[in-house]
Amino acid sequence: MELLRSRGVPFESINYFVDPIPAHTLRELIAKLGIAPIDLFRKKEARFKALEIASKNYSDDELIEILAENPELIERPIVVRGNKAILGRPPEHVLTLF
């Protein structure tokens, strides 16, 4: 957010712990990111390990449902502009959208 502010780029920030992202919106984000659902997971989180996601053969739909039910597992920040999205790690990646 600081990078966007410093460049004068207007943006809207969504706290998905307050406003959870429904599964259908996650599907749209994943499509805009151009990644597989497994790539949106924070794999170092304890919950990821507790659910044994890496060792089970979940379908993409199941993975999206897990993300919808466990927002702490969603890699962030996600920046969306039009039909494209990017993970903002490192933050400089965001600049490719602008």
C-alpha atoms as a PDB file:
ATOM      1  CA  MET A   1       0.000   0.000   0.000  1.00  0.00           C
ATOM      2  CA  GLU A   2       2.851   2.324   0.792  1.00  0.00           C
ATOM      3  CA  LEU A   3       4.343   1.794  -2.655  1.00  0.00           C
ATOM      4  CA  LEU A   4       1.056   2.712  -4.335  1.00  0.00           C
ATOM      5  CA  ARG A   5       0.570   5.722  -2.061  1.00  0.00           C
ATOM      6  CA  SER A   6       4.070   6.987  -2.780  1.00  0.00           C
ATOM      7  CA  ARG A   7       3.322   6.870  -6.507  1.00  0.00           C
ATOM      8  CA  GLY A   8      -0.072   8.529  -6.157  1.00  0.00           C
ATOM      9  CA  VAL A   9      -1.971   5.471  -7.362  1.00  0.00           C
ATOM     10  CA  PRO A  10      -5.525   5.396  -5.990  1.00  0.00           C
ATOM     11  CA  PHE A  11      -6.627   2.034  -4.621  1.00  0.00           C
ATOM     12  CA  GLU A  12      -9.206   0.308  -2.504  1.00  0.00           C
ATOM     13  CA  SER A  13      -8.029  -1.995   0.269  1.00  0.00           C
ATOM     14  CA  ILE A  14     -10.150  -4.961   1.344  1.00  0.00           C
ATOM     15  CA  ASN A  15      -9.556  -6.692   4.649  1.00  0.00           C
ATOM     16  CA  TYR A  16     -10.765 -10.207   3.884  1.00  0.00           C
ATOM     17  CA  PHE A  17     -10.719 -11.147   7.548  1.00  0.00           C
ATOM     18  CA  VAL A  18     -13.542  -8.619   7.965  1.00  0.00           C
ATOM     19  CA  ASP A  19     -15.119  -9.153   4.525  1.00  0.00           C
ATOM     20  CA  PRO A  20     -14.363 -12.783   3.603  1.00  0.00           C
ATOM     21  CA  ILE A  21     -13.760 -13.583  -0.056  1.00  0.00           C
ATOM     22  CA  PRO A  22     -16.374 -16.024  -1.343  1.00  0.00           C
ATOM     23  CA  ALA A  23     -15.256 -19.014  -3.389  1.00  0.00           C
ATOM     24  CA  HIS A  24     -16.602 -17.599  -6.673  1.00  0.00           C
ATOM     25  CA  THR A  25     -14.545 -14.417  -6.189  1.00  0.00           C
ATOM     26  CA  LEU A  26     -11.466 -16.472  -5.363  1.00  0.00           C
ATOM     27  CA  ARG A  27     -11.943 -18.331  -8.659  1.00  0.00           C
ATOM     28  CA  GLU A  28     -12.008 -14.997 -10.486  1.00  0.00           C
ATOM     29  CA  LEU A  29      -8.885 -13.791  -8.666  1.00  0.00           C
ATOM     30  CA  ILE A  30      -7.038 -17.014  -9.444  1.00  0.00           C
ATOM     31  CA  ALA A  31      -7.959 -16.652 -13.121  1.00  0.00           C
ATOM     32  CA  LYS A  32      -6.757 -13.031 -13.153  1.00  0.00           C
ATOM     33  CA  LEU A  33      -3.534 -14.087 -11.449  1.00  0.00           C
ATOM     34  CA  GLY A  34      -3.038 -16.876 -13.994  1.00  0.00           C
ATOM     35  CA  ILE A  35      -2.045 -19.378 -11.310  1.00  0.00           C
ATOM     36  CA  ALA A  36      -3.280 -22.694  -9.967  1.00  0.00           C
ATOM     37  CA  PRO A  37      -5.292 -22.570  -6.725  1.00  0.00           C
ATOM     38  CA  ILE A  38      -2.469 -24.303  -4.810  1.00  0.00           C
ATOM     39  CA  ASP A  39      -0.194 -21.373  -5.678  1.00  0.00           C
ATOM     40  CA  LEU A  40      -2.402 -18.958  -3.714  1.00  0.00           C
ATOM     41  CA  PHE A  41      -1.690 -20.733  -0.420  1.00  0.00           C
ATOM     42  CA  ARG A  42       0.681 -19.475   2.246  1.00  0.00           C
ATOM     43  CA  LYS A  43       2.493 -22.762   2.591  1.00  0.00           C
ATOM     44  CA  LYS A  44       4.433 -21.877   5.738  1.00  0.00           C
ATOM     45  CA  GLU A  45       1.282 -21.293   7.800  1.00  0.00           C
ATOM     46  CA  ALA A  46       0.601 -23.788  10.578  1.00  0.00           C
ATOM     47  CA  ARG A  47      -2.961 -24.236   9.317  1.00  0.00           C
ATOM     48  CA  PHE A  48      -1.652 -25.291   5.882  1.00  0.00           C
ATOM     49  CA  LYS A  49       0.425 -27.978   7.542  1.00  0.00           C
ATOM     50  CA  ALA A  50      -2.366 -28.996   9.930  1.00  0.00           C
ATOM     51  CA  LEU A  51      -4.760 -29.550   7.025  1.00  0.00           C
ATOM     52  CA  GLU A  52      -2.055 -31.618   5.275  1.00  0.00           C
ATOM     53  CA  ILE A  53      -2.793 -29.790   2.032  1.00  0.00           C
ATOM     54  CA  ALA A  54       0.569 -30.589   0.486  1.00  0.00           C
ATOM     55  CA  SER A  55       0.192 -34.325   1.018  1.00  0.00           C
ATOM     56  CA  LYS A  56      -3.455 -34.744   0.008  1.00  0.00           C
ATOM     57  CA  ASN A  57      -4.801 -34.783  -3.525  1.00  0.00           C
ATOM     58  CA  TYR A  58      -7.396 -31.987  -3.326  1.00  0.00           C
ATOM     59  CA  SER A  59      -9.227 -30.869  -6.451  1.00  0.00           C
ATOM     60  CA  ASP A  60      -9.013 -27.211  -7.477  1.00  0.00           C
ATOM     61  CA  ASP A  61     -12.572 -26.668  -6.247  1.00  0.00           C
ATOM     62  CA  GLU A  62     -11.703 -28.189  -2.866  1.00  0.00           C
ATOM     63  CA  LEU A  63      -8.611 -25.987  -2.594  1.00  0.00           C
ATOM     64  CA  ILE A  64     -10.674 -22.888  -3.348  1.00  0.00           C
ATOM     65  CA  GLU A  65     -13.205 -23.865  -0.679  1.00  0.00           C
ATOM     66  CA  ILE A  66     -10.368 -24.330   1.823  1.00  0.00           C
ATOM     67  CA  LEU A  67      -9.078 -20.845   0.983  1.00  0.00           C
ATOM     68  CA  ALA A  68     -12.569 -19.363   1.354  1.00  0.00           C
ATOM     69  CA  GLU A  69     -12.938 -20.988   4.776  1.00  0.00           C
ATOM     70  CA  ASN A  70      -9.385 -20.130   5.920  1.00  0.00           C
ATOM     71  CA  PRO A  71      -8.482 -16.616   4.743  1.00  0.00           C
ATOM     72  CA  GLU A  72      -5.245 -16.698   6.721  1.00  0.00           C
ATOM     73  CA  LEU A  73      -3.987 -19.157   4.110  1.00  0.00           C
ATOM     74  CA  ILE A  74      -4.391 -16.714   1.199  1.00  0.00           C
ATOM     75  CA  GLU A  75      -1.106 -15.308  -0.084  1.00  0.00           C
ATOM     76  CA  ARG A  76      -1.199 -11.532   0.048  1.00  0.00           C
ATOM     77  CA  PRO A  77      -1.335  -8.839  -0.957  1.00  0.00           C
ATOM     78  CA  ILE A  78      -3.249  -9.353  -4.165  1.00  0.00           C
ATOM     79  CA  VAL A  79      -3.501  -6.295  -6.378  1.00  0.00           C
ATOM     80  CA  VAL A  80      -6.135  -6.206  -9.094  1.00  0.00           C
ATOM     81  CA  ARG A  81      -6.358  -3.845 -12.026  1.00  0.00           C
ATOM     82  CA  GLY A  82      -8.967  -4.587 -14.649  1.00  0.00           C
ATOM     83  CA  ASN A  83      -8.600  -8.140 -15.946  1.00  0.00           C
ATOM     84  CA  LYS A  84      -5.202  -8.690 -14.360  1.00  0.00           C
ATOM     85  CA  ALA A  85      -3.978  -9.338 -10.854  1.00  0.00           C
ATOM     86  CA  ILE A  86      -0.601  -9.861  -9.258  1.00  0.00           C
ATOM     87  CA  LEU A  87       0.733 -11.008  -5.920  1.00  0.00           C
ATOM     88  CA  GLY A  88       2.546  -8.119  -4.313  1.00  0.00           C
ATOM     89  CA  ARG A  89       5.532 -10.085  -3.054  1.00  0.00           C
ATOM     90  CA  PRO A  90       7.948  -8.474  -3.424  1.00  0.00           C
ATOM     91  CA  PRO A  91       6.029  -5.178  -3.512  1.00  0.00           C
ATOM     92  CA  GLU A  92       7.751  -4.042  -6.714  1.00  0.00           C
ATOM     93  CA  HIS A  93       5.808  -6.707  -8.660  1.00  0.00           C
ATOM     94  CA  VAL A  94       2.737  -4.490  -8.274  1.00  0.00           C
ATOM     95  CA  LEU A  95       4.292  -1.862 -10.529  1.00  0.00           C
ATOM     96  CA  THR A  96       3.960  -4.145 -13.541  1.00  0.00           C
ATOM     97  CA  LEU A  97       0.187  -3.469 -13.442  1.00  0.00           C
ATOM     98  CA  PHE A  98       0.649   0.312 -13.723  1.00  0.00           C
END
